[in-house]
N, C-alpha and C. Protein backbone atom coordinates (compact mmCIF):
# COMPACT_ATOMS: atom_id res chain seq x y z
N MET A 1 -13.74 92.70 90.19
CA MET A 1 -13.67 94.14 90.06
C MET A 1 -13.62 94.81 91.43
N THR A 2 -14.36 94.30 92.37
CA THR A 2 -14.37 94.88 93.71
C THR A 2 -13.00 94.74 94.36
N MET A 3 -12.38 93.59 94.21
CA MET A 3 -11.05 93.37 94.78
C MET A 3 -10.04 94.31 94.14
N ASN A 4 -10.15 94.52 92.84
CA ASN A 4 -9.27 95.45 92.14
C ASN A 4 -9.39 96.85 92.73
N PHE A 5 -10.62 97.29 92.96
CA PHE A 5 -10.86 98.61 93.54
C PHE A 5 -10.28 98.69 94.95
N ALA A 6 -10.48 97.65 95.74
CA ALA A 6 -9.97 97.65 97.12
C ALA A 6 -8.45 97.71 97.15
N VAL A 7 -7.81 96.99 96.25
CA VAL A 7 -6.34 97.01 96.20
C VAL A 7 -5.84 98.39 95.80
N ARG A 8 -6.50 99.01 94.84
CA ARG A 8 -6.07 100.34 94.40
C ARG A 8 -6.26 101.39 95.49
N VAL A 9 -7.39 101.32 96.20
CA VAL A 9 -7.63 102.27 97.30
C VAL A 9 -6.58 102.07 98.40
N ASN A 10 -6.28 100.81 98.70
CA ASN A 10 -5.27 100.51 99.71
C ASN A 10 -3.91 101.08 99.27
N LEU A 11 -3.56 100.92 98.02
CA LEU A 11 -2.29 101.43 97.51
C LEU A 11 -2.23 102.95 97.61
N VAL A 12 -3.31 103.62 97.23
CA VAL A 12 -3.34 105.09 97.30
C VAL A 12 -3.16 105.57 98.73
N PHE A 13 -3.87 104.97 99.67
CA PHE A 13 -3.74 105.41 101.06
C PHE A 13 -2.39 105.05 101.66
N THR A 14 -1.81 103.94 101.22
CA THR A 14 -0.46 103.59 101.68
C THR A 14 0.55 104.63 101.21
N ILE A 15 0.43 105.05 99.98
CA ILE A 15 1.34 106.09 99.45
C ILE A 15 1.14 107.40 100.19
N ILE A 16 -0.11 107.78 100.43
CA ILE A 16 -0.39 109.03 101.15
C ILE A 16 0.22 108.99 102.55
N ILE A 17 -0.01 107.90 103.27
CA ILE A 17 0.51 107.79 104.63
C ILE A 17 2.04 107.79 104.62
N THR A 18 2.64 107.15 103.63
CA THR A 18 4.10 107.12 103.53
C THR A 18 4.67 108.52 103.38
N TYR A 19 4.07 109.32 102.53
CA TYR A 19 4.58 110.67 102.30
C TYR A 19 4.21 111.66 103.40
N VAL A 20 3.14 111.41 104.11
CA VAL A 20 2.67 112.35 105.14
C VAL A 20 3.34 112.10 106.50
N THR A 21 3.70 110.87 106.79
CA THR A 21 4.17 110.51 108.13
C THR A 21 5.43 111.25 108.55
N GLU A 22 6.46 111.25 107.74
CA GLU A 22 7.71 111.88 108.17
C GLU A 22 7.57 113.38 108.42
N PRO A 23 6.97 114.17 107.51
CA PRO A 23 6.78 115.60 107.81
C PRO A 23 5.86 115.83 109.02
N ALA A 24 4.87 114.98 109.19
CA ALA A 24 3.95 115.14 110.32
C ALA A 24 4.66 114.85 111.64
N ILE A 25 5.54 113.87 111.66
CA ILE A 25 6.30 113.58 112.89
C ILE A 25 7.18 114.77 113.25
N ARG A 26 7.80 115.37 112.25
CA ARG A 26 8.62 116.56 112.52
C ARG A 26 7.78 117.71 113.07
N ALA A 27 6.56 117.85 112.56
CA ALA A 27 5.72 118.98 112.95
C ALA A 27 5.03 118.77 114.30
N ILE A 28 4.44 117.60 114.52
CA ILE A 28 3.66 117.41 115.75
C ILE A 28 4.21 116.29 116.63
N HIS A 29 5.36 115.78 116.30
CA HIS A 29 6.07 114.77 117.09
C HIS A 29 5.22 113.53 117.33
N SER A 30 5.13 113.05 118.53
CA SER A 30 4.45 111.78 118.80
C SER A 30 2.93 111.90 118.76
N TRP A 31 2.39 113.08 118.65
CA TRP A 31 0.94 113.24 118.59
C TRP A 31 0.35 112.58 117.34
N LEU A 32 1.14 112.42 116.33
CA LEU A 32 0.67 111.79 115.10
C LEU A 32 0.15 110.38 115.39
N PHE A 33 0.82 109.65 116.23
CA PHE A 33 0.39 108.29 116.53
C PHE A 33 -0.90 108.27 117.34
N TYR A 34 -1.14 109.30 118.14
CA TYR A 34 -2.44 109.40 118.83
C TYR A 34 -3.56 109.65 117.82
N ILE A 35 -3.27 110.44 116.80
CA ILE A 35 -4.26 110.68 115.75
C ILE A 35 -4.57 109.37 115.03
N TYR A 36 -3.53 108.60 114.68
CA TYR A 36 -3.74 107.31 114.04
C TYR A 36 -4.52 106.37 114.96
N ALA A 37 -4.24 106.40 116.25
CA ALA A 37 -4.95 105.54 117.21
C ALA A 37 -6.43 105.90 117.28
N ILE A 38 -6.75 107.17 117.23
CA ILE A 38 -8.15 107.62 117.26
C ILE A 38 -8.88 107.15 116.00
N ILE A 39 -8.22 107.25 114.85
CA ILE A 39 -8.82 106.78 113.60
C ILE A 39 -9.07 105.27 113.67
N MET A 40 -8.10 104.53 114.21
CA MET A 40 -8.27 103.08 114.33
C MET A 40 -9.41 102.73 115.29
N LEU A 41 -9.53 103.45 116.39
CA LEU A 41 -10.61 103.21 117.34
C LEU A 41 -11.97 103.49 116.71
N ALA A 42 -12.06 104.58 115.94
CA ALA A 42 -13.31 104.89 115.25
C ALA A 42 -13.65 103.79 114.24
N SER A 43 -12.65 103.26 113.55
CA SER A 43 -12.88 102.17 112.60
C SER A 43 -13.36 100.92 113.31
N LEU A 44 -12.78 100.62 114.45
CA LEU A 44 -13.18 99.45 115.22
C LEU A 44 -14.64 99.57 115.68
N ILE A 45 -15.01 100.73 116.16
CA ILE A 45 -16.39 100.96 116.59
C ILE A 45 -17.35 100.80 115.42
N PHE A 46 -16.98 101.32 114.26
CA PHE A 46 -17.81 101.18 113.07
C PHE A 46 -18.01 99.70 112.71
N VAL A 47 -16.94 98.94 112.71
CA VAL A 47 -17.02 97.52 112.35
C VAL A 47 -17.89 96.76 113.34
N ILE A 48 -17.71 97.01 114.62
CA ILE A 48 -18.47 96.28 115.64
C ILE A 48 -19.97 96.56 115.53
N PHE A 49 -20.35 97.81 115.30
CA PHE A 49 -21.76 98.16 115.34
C PHE A 49 -22.48 98.16 113.99
N PHE A 50 -21.76 98.29 112.88
CA PHE A 50 -22.45 98.46 111.60
C PHE A 50 -22.18 97.37 110.57
N MET A 51 -21.19 96.52 110.75
CA MET A 51 -20.90 95.46 109.79
C MET A 51 -21.66 94.20 110.19
N LYS A 52 -22.26 93.53 109.21
CA LYS A 52 -23.06 92.34 109.48
C LYS A 52 -22.17 91.10 109.43
N GLU A 53 -22.49 90.12 110.25
CA GLU A 53 -21.77 88.86 110.27
C GLU A 53 -22.21 88.01 109.08
N THR A 54 -21.25 87.53 108.30
CA THR A 54 -21.57 86.71 107.14
C THR A 54 -20.91 85.34 107.19
N LYS A 55 -20.33 84.99 108.31
CA LYS A 55 -19.64 83.70 108.44
C LYS A 55 -20.65 82.56 108.31
N GLY A 56 -20.32 81.61 107.47
CA GLY A 56 -21.16 80.44 107.30
C GLY A 56 -22.31 80.62 106.33
N LEU A 57 -22.43 81.77 105.69
CA LEU A 57 -23.51 82.01 104.74
C LEU A 57 -23.01 81.79 103.32
N THR A 58 -23.92 81.37 102.46
CA THR A 58 -23.58 81.22 101.05
C THR A 58 -23.56 82.61 100.41
N PRO A 59 -22.90 82.76 99.25
CA PRO A 59 -22.90 84.07 98.58
C PRO A 59 -24.31 84.57 98.27
N GLU A 60 -25.22 83.67 97.95
CA GLU A 60 -26.60 84.09 97.66
C GLU A 60 -27.27 84.65 98.91
N GLN A 61 -27.03 84.03 100.06
CA GLN A 61 -27.61 84.50 101.31
C GLN A 61 -27.03 85.86 101.70
N VAL A 62 -25.75 86.07 101.43
CA VAL A 62 -25.13 87.36 101.73
C VAL A 62 -25.73 88.44 100.84
N GLN A 63 -25.94 88.14 99.56
CA GLN A 63 -26.58 89.11 98.67
C GLN A 63 -27.97 89.44 99.15
N GLN A 64 -28.71 88.43 99.58
CA GLN A 64 -30.06 88.65 100.10
C GLN A 64 -30.01 89.52 101.36
N LEU A 65 -29.06 89.26 102.21
CA LEU A 65 -28.93 90.00 103.46
C LEU A 65 -28.71 91.49 103.21
N PHE A 66 -27.84 91.82 102.26
CA PHE A 66 -27.56 93.22 101.99
C PHE A 66 -28.59 93.85 101.07
N LYS A 67 -29.28 93.05 100.27
CA LYS A 67 -30.32 93.58 99.40
C LYS A 67 -31.53 94.03 100.21
N ARG A 68 -31.78 93.38 101.32
CA ARG A 68 -32.96 93.66 102.14
C ARG A 68 -32.76 94.84 103.09
N LYS A 69 -31.63 95.51 103.02
CA LYS A 69 -31.37 96.61 103.96
C LYS A 69 -32.40 97.71 103.84
N ALA A 70 -32.80 98.06 102.62
CA ALA A 70 -33.79 99.12 102.43
C ALA A 70 -35.12 98.73 103.06
N ILE A 71 -35.49 97.47 102.97
CA ILE A 71 -36.73 96.99 103.57
C ILE A 71 -36.62 97.05 105.09
N ALA A 72 -35.44 96.71 105.61
CA ALA A 72 -35.26 96.66 107.07
C ALA A 72 -35.42 98.02 107.71
N THR A 73 -35.10 99.09 107.01
CA THR A 73 -35.22 100.41 107.62
C THR A 73 -36.66 100.88 107.67
N LYS A 74 -37.54 100.31 106.84
CA LYS A 74 -38.92 100.77 106.79
C LYS A 74 -39.87 99.91 107.61
N THR A 75 -39.51 98.66 107.88
CA THR A 75 -40.40 97.76 108.60
C THR A 75 -39.65 97.09 109.74
N GLU A 76 -40.33 96.19 110.40
CA GLU A 76 -39.73 95.43 111.49
C GLU A 76 -39.08 94.16 110.97
N TYR A 77 -38.35 94.26 109.89
CA TYR A 77 -37.73 93.11 109.24
C TYR A 77 -36.46 92.71 109.98
N THR A 78 -36.29 91.43 110.21
CA THR A 78 -35.04 90.94 110.79
C THR A 78 -34.36 90.06 109.77
N ALA A 79 -33.20 90.48 109.33
CA ALA A 79 -32.48 89.76 108.29
C ALA A 79 -32.01 88.39 108.78
N GLU A 80 -31.70 88.26 110.05
CA GLU A 80 -31.19 87.00 110.57
C GLU A 80 -32.22 85.88 110.40
N ALA A 81 -33.49 86.17 110.66
CA ALA A 81 -34.53 85.16 110.54
C ALA A 81 -34.70 84.72 109.09
N GLU A 82 -34.58 85.64 108.16
CA GLU A 82 -34.75 85.33 106.74
C GLU A 82 -33.59 84.52 106.19
N VAL A 83 -32.38 84.80 106.65
CA VAL A 83 -31.20 84.15 106.11
C VAL A 83 -31.15 82.68 106.49
N THR A 84 -31.72 82.31 107.62
CA THR A 84 -31.66 80.92 108.05
C THR A 84 -32.57 80.02 107.21
N LYS A 85 -33.52 80.60 106.48
CA LYS A 85 -34.38 79.80 105.62
C LYS A 85 -33.59 79.37 104.38
N PRO A 86 -33.83 78.15 103.88
CA PRO A 86 -33.14 77.74 102.66
C PRO A 86 -33.62 78.57 101.48
N LEU A 87 -32.68 78.87 100.60
CA LEU A 87 -33.01 79.67 99.43
C LEU A 87 -33.69 78.79 98.37
N LYS A 88 -34.60 79.38 97.65
CA LYS A 88 -35.29 78.68 96.58
C LYS A 88 -34.39 78.69 95.35
N ASN A 89 -34.23 77.58 94.74
CA ASN A 89 -33.40 77.45 93.55
C ASN A 89 -34.16 78.00 92.36
N ASP A 90 -33.55 78.89 91.59
CA ASP A 90 -34.21 79.48 90.42
C ASP A 90 -34.55 78.44 89.37
N ASN A 91 -33.79 77.36 89.31
CA ASN A 91 -34.03 76.33 88.31
C ASN A 91 -35.28 75.51 88.61
N GLU A 92 -35.75 75.54 89.86
CA GLU A 92 -36.95 74.79 90.22
C GLU A 92 -38.20 75.40 89.58
N ASP A 93 -38.18 76.73 89.35
CA ASP A 93 -39.34 77.41 88.76
C ASP A 93 -39.47 77.12 87.28
N LYS A 94 -38.38 76.85 86.61
CA LYS A 94 -38.40 76.64 85.17
C LYS A 94 -38.70 75.18 84.86
N GLU A 95 -39.56 75.00 83.91
CA GLU A 95 -39.86 73.64 83.48
C GLU A 95 -38.96 73.29 82.33
N LEU A 96 -38.42 72.10 82.35
CA LEU A 96 -37.51 71.65 81.27
C LEU A 96 -38.25 71.11 80.09
């Protein structure tokens, strides 16, 4: 479902940019590309400073990492230290 939403948002913005670009070039000439460059730079800064690294983590560890965000803002919690610990298997708690 998330991928479906991402594809639809991408399609909507692609259509918007397609229809806006030609009239904007006529109106403000090459300045349009400076505007796009500023937006891209702002996006790059956002990714560098606010997106968490998830390479090499299992899906469960990624869920734990993002679930603990509310806790991290209230205490001195470091998500990196918690993620390196092995996750407890839910099936271990249940007796067969």
